[in-house]
Amino acid sequence: MSLTSRIAKAATATAVAGAALFTLAGPASATPNAPTLGDSYANNTHAVWCVQHNINHFLSITTDPNHPAQVAEDGIWGPKTKAAVEYIQSNAYVDGQKLKTDGIVGPLTGDMIIGDGDPYYVGSYDAYCWQYIPTTYGP
């Protein structure tokens, strides 16, 4: 069996297994009631990862030469994640409202993260991060 055939068979097996797992897991649902994230909050690891990943996406496409470095996508709320949230809040407006630069991800900051985040994770109401990032949006 050629290398190409083995790769094709492995890819097919992986796709079938992934499809079966997705079917068993069921669809995710968007919630405008996801908890606030930040210092002194009970931060869910998945929620923090979603914030970190989507902020990194924003930082990778911004044209601001003074943007901070990307943060580790480790699901742990820490000073670098808070500083990155403060950076995106510092000049952001959502629905005409200036975001408070407090390093807390509440619904308005969540709206901004969802609006400018990685479309794969926040591009639709059933995308993975919709259930974890607080927002004013709903399905």
Protein backbone atom coordinates (compact mmCIF):
# COMPACT_ATOMS: atom_id res chain seq x y z
CA MET A 1 0.00 0.00 0.00
CA SER A 2 1.43 3.37 -0.98
CA LEU A 3 2.02 6.20 1.48
CA THR A 4 -0.68 8.25 -0.25
CA SER A 5 -3.22 5.42 0.20
CA ARG A 6 -2.33 5.05 3.89
CA ILE A 7 -2.69 8.80 4.45
CA ALA A 8 -6.05 8.84 2.65
CA LYS A 9 -7.33 5.90 4.74
CA ALA A 10 -6.14 7.53 7.98
CA ALA A 11 -7.79 10.82 7.03
CA THR A 12 -11.05 9.05 6.21
CA ALA A 13 -11.01 7.16 9.52
CA THR A 14 -10.33 10.38 11.42
CA ALA A 15 -13.16 12.19 9.64
CA VAL A 16 -15.62 9.37 10.35
CA ALA A 17 -14.62 9.23 14.03
CA GLY A 18 -14.91 13.02 14.30
CA ALA A 19 -18.33 13.03 12.68
CA ALA A 20 -19.54 10.30 15.05
CA LEU A 21 -18.26 12.20 18.06
CA PHE A 22 -19.89 15.43 16.86
CA THR A 23 -23.19 13.62 16.36
CA LEU A 24 -23.08 12.13 19.86
CA ALA A 25 -22.20 15.45 21.48
CA GLY A 26 -25.20 17.28 20.00
CA PRO A 27 -25.31 20.94 19.04
CA ALA A 28 -23.93 23.67 21.27
CA SER A 29 -26.27 26.45 22.24
CA ALA A 30 -25.63 30.14 22.54
CA THR A 31 -26.44 31.74 25.85
CA PRO A 32 -26.56 35.40 26.77
CA ASN A 33 -26.21 34.25 30.39
CA ALA A 34 -22.58 33.08 30.39
CA PRO A 35 -20.85 34.20 33.59
CA THR A 36 -18.59 37.25 33.79
CA LEU A 37 -14.85 36.54 33.63
CA GLY A 38 -12.00 38.27 35.43
CA ASP A 39 -10.20 38.68 38.72
CA SER A 40 -12.27 37.42 41.68
CA TYR A 41 -14.71 35.51 39.45
CA ALA A 42 -15.13 31.74 39.25
CA ASN A 43 -13.51 31.52 35.82
CA ASN A 44 -14.37 28.46 33.73
CA THR A 45 -11.29 27.07 31.96
CA HIS A 46 -13.15 26.76 28.64
CA ALA A 47 -14.43 30.33 28.92
CA VAL A 48 -10.97 31.72 29.64
CA TRP A 49 -9.53 29.74 26.73
CA CYS A 50 -12.23 31.19 24.45
CA VAL A 51 -11.36 34.72 25.58
CA GLN A 52 -7.63 34.09 25.12
CA HIS A 53 -8.02 32.49 21.70
CA ASN A 54 -10.34 35.16 20.35
CA ILE A 55 -8.22 38.02 21.69
CA ASN A 56 -5.18 36.39 20.05
CA HIS A 57 -7.14 36.26 16.79
CA PHE A 58 -7.90 39.97 17.13
CA LEU A 59 -4.26 40.76 17.96
CA SER A 60 -3.12 38.80 14.90
CA ILE A 61 -5.19 40.95 12.53
CA THR A 62 -4.96 44.39 14.16
CA THR A 63 -2.97 47.06 12.40
CA ASP A 64 -2.00 48.76 15.68
CA PRO A 65 1.80 48.50 15.88
CA ASN A 66 1.65 48.95 19.67
CA HIS A 67 -0.56 45.96 20.41
CA PRO A 68 0.59 43.62 23.17
CA ALA A 69 2.00 40.17 22.54
CA GLN A 70 -0.44 37.32 22.24
CA VAL A 71 -1.32 35.48 25.45
CA ALA A 72 -0.91 31.81 26.24
CA GLU A 73 -4.08 29.88 25.43
CA ASP A 74 -3.93 27.87 28.63
CA GLY A 75 -7.39 28.52 30.09
CA ILE A 76 -5.92 30.21 33.15
CA TRP A 77 -7.00 33.75 34.02
CA GLY A 78 -3.89 35.71 34.90
CA PRO A 79 -2.31 39.16 34.60
CA LYS A 80 -1.41 38.78 30.90
CA THR A 81 -4.95 37.76 29.98
CA LYS A 82 -6.34 40.64 32.03
CA ALA A 83 -3.90 43.09 30.35
CA ALA A 84 -4.95 41.82 26.90
CA VAL A 85 -8.62 42.33 27.81
CA GLU A 86 -7.81 45.86 29.02
CA TYR A 87 -6.01 46.54 25.73
CA ILE A 88 -9.02 45.59 23.63
CA GLN A 89 -11.31 47.56 25.95
CA SER A 90 -9.15 50.69 25.85
CA ASN A 91 -10.43 52.03 22.52
CA ALA A 92 -13.48 49.89 21.89
CA TYR A 93 -17.08 50.90 21.45
CA VAL A 94 -20.00 48.48 21.32
CA ASP A 95 -23.33 49.84 20.12
CA GLY A 96 -22.05 53.37 20.67
CA GLN A 97 -20.95 52.68 24.25
CA LYS A 98 -17.30 53.10 25.24
CA LEU A 99 -16.14 49.98 27.03
CA LYS A 100 -14.92 50.42 30.57
CA THR A 101 -11.22 49.51 30.78
CA ASP A 102 -11.49 47.22 33.79
CA GLY A 103 -10.10 43.88 32.55
CA ILE A 104 -13.43 42.17 33.19
CA VAL A 105 -15.24 40.29 30.43
CA GLY A 106 -18.89 41.12 30.88
CA PRO A 107 -21.58 41.22 28.19
CA LEU A 108 -20.34 44.32 26.33
CA THR A 109 -16.71 43.19 26.26
CA GLY A 110 -18.00 39.76 25.27
CA ASP A 111 -19.90 41.38 22.38
CA MET A 112 -16.66 42.94 21.17
CA ILE A 113 -14.72 39.67 21.52
CA ILE A 114 -17.41 37.78 19.62
CA GLY A 115 -17.64 40.51 16.98
CA ASP A 116 -13.89 40.56 16.30
CA GLY A 117 -12.93 37.01 17.26
CA ASP A 118 -12.04 33.90 15.30
CA PRO A 119 -15.05 33.14 13.08
CA TYR A 120 -14.55 29.40 13.56
CA TYR A 121 -15.20 29.71 17.32
CA VAL A 122 -17.63 32.65 17.41
CA GLY A 123 -18.96 32.99 13.88
CA SER A 124 -22.39 31.51 14.59
CA TYR A 125 -24.67 30.94 17.56
CA ASP A 126 -23.76 27.27 17.66
CA ALA A 127 -20.00 27.88 17.52
CA TYR A 128 -18.04 26.52 20.48
CA CYS A 129 -17.28 29.76 22.35
CA TRP A 130 -20.82 31.17 22.27
CA GLN A 131 -21.73 29.17 25.35
CA TYR A 132 -18.76 30.51 27.34
CA ILE A 133 -18.36 34.21 26.51
CA PRO A 134 -20.85 36.56 28.18
CA THR A 135 -22.76 38.62 25.63
CA THR A 136 -25.91 40.59 25.03
CA TYR A 137 -26.50 38.60 21.84
CA GLY A 138 -28.80 35.62 21.68
CA PRO A 139 -30.08 33.20 19.07
